[in-house]
Amino acid sequence: ERAGEHLGRPFRGTVFWCQGADVPGRFGRLGAGISGAALHEGYYLDIGQIAAEQRGWIALAERFVEAPERAVALSVGRAPLDPSRRTEVSPALGAGDRMRLAVLESLAGIEEPGTGRIEPDFALDHLTHVVATHEEGHLCDRAGWYPLSVSRVMSLISFAGAHGFSGQRIARALEERAQLIAVAACRDPRVPIVDLLDAAEEGGASVTPHGAAYRRVLARLVERLEKEYLAGEWDGADLQPDGRWIDQLHRLDPEALRGLAIREARARGLARN
C-alpha cells in the first residue's frame, strides 16, 4: 500500500513489483515493452522490462566513459539554425542520448560537461522511480475522479468531451498528464525527459498511446520555453537562440527543467501547490 501526493494532488493504491507477465496485455502482444501500468486501485512495475532499459543506459555509459568522445557527442546541436525552427521536436537527432550523458555526468560529479570519466553503470532505482511516479500520476487522476459523485461524473464527462469522446485521444491525454507529473515530481526531471526525447526520435510512432502523448508533452514544454525566452525569462541560461531548443535541453539545470514542467502542469490544472 502506497500513498502520497504530487504537486498537491493526492494518490493512494497498492503497488505490485513483478518480473515479467505470464499473460501479456494487448500492447505487450503487439510487441510493446510495458514497464508498468496503473490498475483500478494501484499499479504494477515490471522489473524485467525496466532492467532492459537500464542496459541501454549502461551500454551508452560504456561507450562514452572517456571525456573526448563524450565532449564531441554533447557538442552536437551548437550549429546555427534558422530561429523559426527553434521549437521543432522532430527529428530529435540523438537528443535522448545527450540527455542520458548529461545525467551520467551528474552522477559522476562532473561539473564541466565533456570532462572526466563517467562510471559504466546506472542504478535501476533511477528508472523504477520514474515509472512509479508516472503511474502515481495516473492514481492522482483516479483520486480526483473516484469514488463517483455527481460533480465527479460531470468532470469525467467534461474531460471525455474535451477529447471528442475518443478512446484513443482520451488514452493519450491521460498519458500526457502522467508523464508531465513525472517530469515535475521525479528526483531528476531529466530522466523522464529522456522518454520524451526518445518518442520524438521515433516520430511519436508506437502501438501504445505513449509515443504520441510523450511527443506532445515535449512539444508543449518547448513551446512554453519559447514563450518564456521571448519574454526574457531565461536570461543567463546556457541557451543559444539560433539553435533548436531540444538540441540544448541537456545543457539546462535540472531544476530549471523541473520549473518549466511545473508551470506547464499548473497551466493544465495538474498542480494545487
Protein backbone atom coordinates (compact mmCIF):
# COMPACT_ATOMS: atom_id res chain seq x y z
CA GLU A 1 0.00 0.00 0.00
CA ARG A 2 1.39 3.37 -1.00
CA ALA A 3 0.00 6.88 -0.52
CA GLY A 4 1.32 10.38 -1.08
CA GLU A 5 0.87 13.41 -3.29
CA HIS A 6 2.38 15.00 -6.38
CA LEU A 7 2.12 18.77 -6.85
CA GLY A 8 -0.52 18.83 -4.13
CA ARG A 9 -2.73 16.15 -5.70
CA PRO A 10 -3.08 13.02 -3.52
CA PHE A 11 -2.88 9.39 -4.59
CA ARG A 12 -3.31 6.04 -2.90
CA GLY A 13 -3.05 2.47 -4.14
CA THR A 14 -1.49 -0.95 -3.95
CA VAL A 15 1.84 -1.43 -5.73
CA PHE A 16 2.91 -4.74 -7.25
CA TRP A 17 6.54 -5.42 -8.14
CA CYS A 18 6.98 -8.25 -10.63
CA GLN A 19 9.39 -9.60 -13.20
CA GLY A 20 7.60 -10.43 -16.39
CA ALA A 21 3.96 -11.08 -17.15
CA ASP A 22 2.68 -14.63 -17.63
CA VAL A 23 -0.12 -13.32 -19.82
CA PRO A 24 0.94 -10.18 -21.76
CA GLY A 25 -1.64 -7.44 -22.19
CA ARG A 26 -2.89 -6.22 -25.55
CA PHE A 27 0.01 -3.84 -26.13
CA GLY A 28 2.51 -6.44 -24.97
CA ARG A 29 1.14 -8.90 -27.51
CA LEU A 30 1.71 -6.22 -30.17
CA GLY A 31 5.37 -6.02 -29.23
CA ALA A 32 5.47 -3.10 -26.80
CA GLY A 33 7.70 -3.29 -23.73
CA ILE A 34 5.45 -2.34 -20.80
CA SER A 35 7.45 -1.24 -17.74
CA GLY A 36 4.42 -0.52 -15.58
CA ALA A 37 0.70 0.10 -15.70
CA ALA A 38 -1.91 1.68 -13.48
CA LEU A 39 -4.67 -0.65 -12.37
CA HIS A 40 -8.01 0.38 -10.92
CA GLU A 41 -6.70 0.61 -7.36
CA GLY A 42 -2.93 0.71 -7.80
CA TYR A 43 -0.18 -0.08 -10.28
CA TYR A 44 2.49 -2.63 -11.08
CA LEU A 45 6.15 -2.33 -12.10
CA ASP A 46 7.76 -4.93 -14.34
CA ILE A 47 11.38 -5.02 -13.17
CA GLY A 48 12.37 -7.21 -16.12
CA GLN A 49 11.31 -4.54 -18.60
CA ILE A 50 12.88 -1.75 -16.57
CA ALA A 51 16.16 -3.71 -16.41
CA ALA A 52 16.15 -3.88 -20.22
CA GLU A 53 16.05 -0.08 -20.32
CA GLN A 54 18.81 0.05 -17.70
CA ARG A 55 21.05 -2.00 -20.00
CA GLY A 56 20.67 0.69 -22.66
CA TRP A 57 21.92 3.35 -20.24
CA ILE A 58 24.87 1.19 -19.20
CA ALA A 59 25.82 0.46 -22.81
CA LEU A 60 25.85 4.20 -23.53
CA ALA A 61 27.97 4.85 -20.44
CA GLU A 62 30.45 2.18 -21.51
CA ARG A 63 30.70 3.75 -24.96
CA PHE A 64 31.41 7.24 -23.61
CA VAL A 65 33.44 6.57 -20.47
CA GLU A 66 36.25 8.80 -21.70
CA ALA A 67 35.83 12.57 -21.97
CA PRO A 68 36.95 13.31 -25.58
CA GLU A 69 34.28 11.16 -27.23
CA ARG A 70 31.65 12.43 -24.81
CA ALA A 71 32.60 16.06 -25.40
CA VAL A 72 32.02 15.62 -29.14
CA ALA A 73 28.65 13.95 -28.56
CA LEU A 74 27.49 16.70 -26.18
CA SER A 75 28.54 19.48 -28.56
CA VAL A 76 26.10 18.36 -31.24
CA GLY A 77 23.37 20.92 -31.86
CA ARG A 78 25.53 24.02 -31.48
CA ALA A 79 25.45 24.86 -35.19
CA PRO A 80 23.35 27.97 -36.00
CA LEU A 81 19.92 27.35 -37.48
CA ASP A 82 17.00 29.40 -38.68
CA PRO A 83 15.39 30.75 -35.44
CA SER A 84 11.97 29.82 -36.82
CA ARG A 85 12.97 26.18 -36.25
CA ARG A 86 13.67 26.63 -32.52
CA THR A 87 10.51 24.79 -31.43
CA GLU A 88 10.94 21.75 -33.70
CA VAL A 89 10.78 18.47 -31.81
CA SER A 90 11.48 16.11 -34.71
CA PRO A 91 13.83 14.74 -35.74
CA ALA A 92 15.38 14.56 -32.28
CA LEU A 93 18.84 13.69 -33.70
CA GLY A 94 20.18 11.91 -30.62
CA ALA A 95 18.82 14.37 -28.07
CA GLY A 96 17.75 11.50 -25.79
CA ASP A 97 21.28 10.08 -25.61
CA ARG A 98 22.74 13.53 -24.96
CA MET A 99 20.37 13.91 -22.03
CA ARG A 100 21.41 10.47 -20.77
CA LEU A 101 25.07 11.51 -20.92
CA ALA A 102 24.29 14.70 -19.00
CA VAL A 103 22.64 12.62 -16.26
CA LEU A 104 25.55 10.19 -16.15
CA GLU A 105 27.99 13.09 -15.80
CA SER A 106 25.98 14.49 -12.90
CA LEU A 107 26.08 11.10 -11.16
CA ALA A 108 29.88 11.10 -11.64
CA GLY A 109 30.11 14.56 -10.05
CA ILE A 110 31.33 16.20 -13.27
CA GLU A 111 30.62 19.94 -13.28
CA GLU A 112 32.15 20.84 -16.66
CA PRO A 113 30.33 18.87 -19.40
CA GLY A 114 32.52 16.69 -21.55
CA THR A 115 35.30 16.28 -18.99
CA GLY A 116 36.47 13.49 -16.68
CA ARG A 117 35.40 9.85 -16.66
CA ILE A 118 31.92 8.51 -16.06
CA GLU A 119 31.12 5.18 -14.48
CA PRO A 120 29.87 2.41 -16.80
CA ASP A 121 26.89 1.87 -14.51
CA PHE A 122 23.39 3.21 -13.88
CA ALA A 123 21.35 2.13 -10.86
CA LEU A 124 17.99 0.51 -11.55
CA ASP A 125 16.43 2.73 -8.89
CA HIS A 126 16.70 5.79 -11.15
CA LEU A 127 14.33 4.12 -13.62
CA THR A 128 11.94 2.39 -11.21
CA HIS A 129 11.44 5.78 -9.53
CA VAL A 130 10.39 7.35 -12.85
CA VAL A 131 7.99 4.55 -13.77
CA ALA A 132 6.47 4.61 -10.28
CA THR A 133 6.00 8.38 -10.36
CA HIS A 134 4.34 8.16 -13.77
CA GLU A 135 1.90 5.52 -12.54
CA GLU A 136 1.23 7.55 -9.40
CA GLY A 137 0.31 10.39 -11.74
CA HIS A 138 -2.47 8.15 -13.05
CA LEU A 139 -3.57 7.48 -9.47
CA CYS A 140 -3.72 11.24 -8.86
CA ASP A 141 -6.29 11.42 -11.65
CA ARG A 142 -8.17 8.48 -10.17
CA ALA A 143 -8.29 10.17 -6.77
CA GLY A 144 -9.80 13.24 -8.41
CA TRP A 145 -12.49 11.27 -10.23
CA TYR A 146 -13.37 8.41 -7.86
CA PRO A 147 -15.41 7.46 -5.93
CA LEU A 148 -18.06 8.73 -8.28
CA SER A 149 -20.33 11.58 -7.31
CA VAL A 150 -22.49 13.92 -9.37
CA SER A 151 -19.75 16.54 -9.62
CA ARG A 152 -17.10 13.95 -10.48
CA VAL A 153 -19.29 12.33 -13.13
CA MET A 154 -19.74 15.77 -14.69
CA SER A 155 -15.97 16.29 -14.52
CA LEU A 156 -15.36 12.96 -16.25
CA ILE A 157 -17.90 13.78 -18.96
CA SER A 158 -16.27 17.17 -19.46
CA PHE A 159 -12.83 15.57 -19.75
CA ALA A 160 -14.07 12.98 -22.26
CA GLY A 161 -15.92 15.66 -24.23
CA ALA A 162 -12.80 17.80 -24.45
CA HIS A 163 -11.20 14.88 -26.28
CA GLY A 164 -14.11 14.17 -28.57
CA PHE A 165 -15.24 11.11 -26.58
CA SER A 166 -12.49 9.26 -28.47
CA GLY A 167 -10.94 6.39 -26.55
CA GLN A 168 -7.62 6.88 -28.33
CA ARG A 169 -7.48 10.62 -27.64
CA ILE A 170 -8.50 10.13 -24.01
CA ALA A 171 -5.79 7.49 -23.53
CA ARG A 172 -3.18 9.85 -24.98
CA ALA A 173 -4.34 12.70 -22.77
CA LEU A 174 -4.06 10.51 -19.67
CA GLU A 175 -0.51 9.52 -20.62
CA GLU A 176 0.39 13.17 -21.22
CA ARG A 177 -0.83 14.10 -17.76
CA ALA A 178 1.01 11.25 -16.03
CA GLN A 179 4.33 11.91 -17.77
CA LEU A 180 4.13 15.65 -17.11
CA ILE A 181 3.70 14.79 -13.42
CA ALA A 182 6.74 12.51 -13.67
CA VAL A 183 8.91 15.30 -15.12
CA ALA A 184 7.73 17.75 -12.48
CA ALA A 185 7.97 15.41 -9.48
CA CYS A 186 10.88 12.99 -10.11
CA ARG A 187 14.18 13.38 -8.27
CA ASP A 188 15.90 14.21 -11.56
CA PRO A 189 13.47 15.51 -14.20
CA ARG A 190 15.98 14.77 -16.94
CA VAL A 191 15.40 11.01 -16.67
CA PRO A 192 11.69 11.16 -17.65
CA ILE A 193 12.51 13.83 -20.24
CA VAL A 194 14.66 11.17 -21.93
CA ASP A 195 11.41 9.29 -22.60
CA LEU A 196 10.00 12.38 -24.31
CA LEU A 197 13.09 12.83 -26.46
CA ASP A 198 13.09 9.15 -27.42
CA ALA A 199 9.46 9.47 -28.50
CA ALA A 200 10.39 12.45 -30.67
CA GLU A 201 13.26 10.41 -32.15
CA GLU A 202 10.71 7.80 -33.20
CA GLY A 203 8.29 10.43 -34.51
CA GLY A 204 5.73 9.53 -31.86
CA ALA A 205 5.14 6.16 -33.51
CA SER A 206 4.09 3.45 -31.04
CA VAL A 207 1.50 0.74 -30.66
CA THR A 208 0.66 2.31 -27.28
CA PRO A 209 -0.70 5.83 -26.65
CA HIS A 210 2.60 6.78 -25.01
CA GLY A 211 4.62 7.70 -28.11
CA ALA A 212 2.25 10.36 -29.41
CA ALA A 213 1.48 11.53 -25.87
CA TYR A 214 5.14 11.97 -24.94
CA ARG A 215 5.93 13.80 -28.17
CA ARG A 216 3.07 16.18 -27.42
CA VAL A 217 4.30 16.80 -23.86
CA LEU A 218 7.73 17.63 -25.28
CA ALA A 219 6.17 20.00 -27.83
CA ARG A 220 4.24 21.78 -25.07
CA LEU A 221 7.35 22.18 -22.93
CA VAL A 222 9.36 23.51 -25.87
CA GLU A 223 6.58 25.95 -26.80
CA ARG A 224 6.47 27.18 -23.19
CA LEU A 225 10.26 27.58 -23.16
CA GLU A 226 10.00 29.62 -26.39
CA LYS A 227 7.36 31.95 -24.93
CA GLU A 228 9.31 32.41 -21.71
CA TYR A 229 12.53 33.00 -23.62
CA LEU A 230 10.90 35.68 -25.77
CA ALA A 231 9.57 37.27 -22.57
CA GLY A 232 13.15 37.49 -21.25
CA GLU A 233 12.63 34.90 -18.52
CA TRP A 234 15.61 32.70 -19.49
CA ASP A 235 18.35 35.35 -19.35
CA GLY A 236 21.67 33.88 -18.27
CA ALA A 237 20.74 30.31 -19.18
CA ASP A 238 23.06 28.42 -21.49
CA LEU A 239 20.71 28.70 -24.44
CA GLN A 240 21.54 29.72 -27.99
CA PRO A 241 18.58 31.39 -29.73
CA ASP A 242 19.89 30.40 -33.18
CA GLY A 243 19.53 26.69 -32.40
CA ARG A 244 16.69 24.27 -31.66
CA TRP A 245 15.66 24.03 -28.02
CA ILE A 246 15.55 20.22 -27.96
CA ASP A 247 19.21 20.15 -29.00
CA GLN A 248 20.06 22.22 -25.92
CA LEU A 249 17.84 20.79 -23.18
CA HIS A 250 20.72 18.66 -21.83
CA ARG A 251 22.65 21.85 -21.01
CA LEU A 252 19.96 23.22 -18.71
CA ASP A 253 19.97 22.85 -14.95
CA PRO A 254 17.62 20.05 -13.83
CA GLU A 255 15.69 22.41 -11.57
CA ALA A 256 15.16 24.82 -14.47
CA LEU A 257 13.63 21.95 -16.42
CA ARG A 258 11.52 20.98 -13.39
CA GLY A 259 10.27 24.54 -13.08
CA LEU A 260 9.27 24.53 -16.75
CA ALA A 261 7.28 21.32 -16.22
CA ILE A 262 5.64 22.62 -13.04
CA ARG A 263 4.48 25.78 -14.80
CA GLU A 264 3.03 23.67 -17.61
CA ALA A 265 1.34 21.36 -15.09
CA ARG A 266 -0.12 24.35 -13.27
CA ALA A 267 -1.47 25.77 -16.53
CA ARG A 268 -3.19 22.43 -17.16
CA GLY A 269 -4.70 22.19 -13.69
CA LEU A 270 -2.39 19.42 -12.51
CA ALA A 271 -0.81 21.34 -9.63
CA ARG A 272 -2.50 22.51 -6.45
CA ASN A 273 0.57 23.96 -4.78
